[in-house]
Protein backbone atom coordinates (compact mmCIF):
# COMPACT_ATOMS: atom_id res chain seq x y z
CA MET A 1 0.52 24.80 -5.57
CA ALA A 2 4.18 23.83 -5.89
CA GLN A 3 4.04 22.08 -2.51
CA MET A 4 0.95 20.09 -3.56
CA ASN A 5 2.66 19.07 -6.79
CA ALA A 6 5.77 17.96 -4.90
CA GLN A 7 3.65 15.88 -2.51
CA ALA A 8 1.81 14.29 -5.44
CA ASP A 9 5.11 13.51 -7.15
CA ALA A 10 6.41 11.85 -3.96
CA TRP A 11 3.15 9.88 -3.64
CA HIS A 12 3.41 8.57 -7.20
CA ALA A 13 7.14 7.86 -6.86
CA ILE A 14 6.32 5.24 -4.23
CA ARG A 15 4.19 3.31 -6.73
CA ASP A 16 6.77 3.88 -9.48
CA ARG A 17 9.32 2.13 -7.23
CA GLY A 18 6.91 -0.83 -6.95
CA PHE A 19 5.54 -0.20 -3.48
CA CYS A 20 1.93 0.28 -2.40
CA ASN A 21 0.92 3.68 -1.05
CA HIS A 22 -2.26 2.25 0.56
CA GLY A 23 -4.38 4.90 -1.15
CA SER A 24 -7.65 3.05 -0.58
CA ALA A 25 -8.97 0.47 1.84
CA ILE A 26 -12.21 -1.25 2.76
CA GLY A 27 -13.28 -2.17 6.26
CA TYR A 28 -15.01 -5.06 7.96
CA ARG A 29 -18.74 -5.32 7.40
CA HIS A 30 -21.30 -7.93 8.35
CA PRO A 31 -22.72 -9.09 6.13
CA PRO A 32 -19.89 -8.39 3.71
CA VAL A 33 -20.60 -6.39 0.57
CA ARG A 34 -17.38 -7.50 -1.12
CA GLU A 35 -15.76 -10.91 -0.96
CA VAL A 36 -12.53 -9.49 0.48
CA GLN A 37 -14.42 -8.32 3.58
CA ARG A 38 -14.88 -11.97 4.59
CA LEU A 39 -11.16 -11.99 5.48
CA LEU A 40 -11.56 -9.25 8.08
CA LYS A 41 -12.39 -9.12 11.76
CA PRO A 42 -14.34 -6.25 13.31
CA GLY A 43 -12.32 -3.04 13.17
CA GLN A 44 -9.87 -4.23 10.52
CA LEU A 45 -9.37 -2.75 7.05
CA ILE A 46 -7.71 -4.22 3.96
CA CYS A 47 -5.78 -2.28 1.35
CA THR A 48 -7.49 -2.17 -2.04
CA ALA A 49 -4.74 -0.14 -3.72
CA GLY A 50 -2.62 -3.09 -4.73
CA CYS A 51 -1.18 -5.06 -1.82
CA ASP A 52 -4.00 -6.58 0.31
CA THR A 53 -2.32 -5.54 3.56
CA VAL A 54 -4.66 -6.01 6.52
CA PHE A 55 -4.61 -3.10 8.95
CA ALA A 56 -5.51 -3.55 12.62
CA ASP A 57 -7.76 -0.49 12.59
CA GLU A 58 -8.20 2.94 11.02
CA ASN A 59 -5.30 4.39 13.01
CA ASP A 60 -2.97 1.70 11.65
CA TRP A 61 -4.14 2.41 8.09
CA TYR A 62 -3.77 6.18 8.47
CA ALA A 63 -0.26 5.81 9.90
CA GLN A 64 0.84 3.70 6.92
CA LEU A 65 -1.08 5.93 4.51
CA ASP A 66 0.80 8.97 5.86
CA ASP A 67 4.19 7.27 5.40
CA PRO A 68 3.98 4.16 3.19
CA MET A 69 7.76 3.77 3.20
CA LEU A 70 7.82 3.39 6.99
CA ASN A 71 6.87 -0.25 6.37
CA PRO A 72 7.14 -0.66 2.56
CA VAL A 73 4.89 -3.29 1.00
CA PRO A 74 5.50 -4.38 -2.61
CA LEU A 75 2.61 -4.12 -5.02
CA ARG A 76 1.16 -7.46 -6.08
CA ASP A 77 2.64 -8.98 -9.23
CA ARG A 78 5.29 -6.29 -9.54
CA SER A 79 8.89 -6.32 -8.44
CA THR A 80 10.20 -3.19 -6.79
CA ALA A 81 12.76 -0.94 -8.42
CA ASP A 82 15.08 -1.69 -5.49
CA GLU A 83 14.78 -5.46 -6.11
CA GLY A 84 15.47 -4.95 -9.82
CA LEU A 85 18.60 -2.96 -9.07
CA ALA A 86 19.80 -5.62 -6.60
CA ARG A 87 19.24 -8.41 -9.17
CA ALA A 88 21.08 -6.44 -11.85
CA ALA A 89 24.03 -5.80 -9.53
CA ALA A 90 24.19 -9.46 -8.49
CA SER A 91 24.15 -10.72 -12.07
CA GLY A 92 26.62 -8.44 -13.54
């Protein structure tokens, strides 16, 4: 149980830092069920967890889902904690 809690804490820490953890995605479909699916080509998925990253395929999504900080993507409309620290250091 402690290991699961630690993994959950790490998962949430990514979002707390302002980055997307790609926790959900929707794939291409014809005809599309959701408007966002119109942006996709066959095989592609798009993140619906806060960043709209388009993934080449399921393997690409799973790789980034397993380690979102391998290629960190900021959440929409939210600056990252790292950016905030850099701005604070630069201004003062």
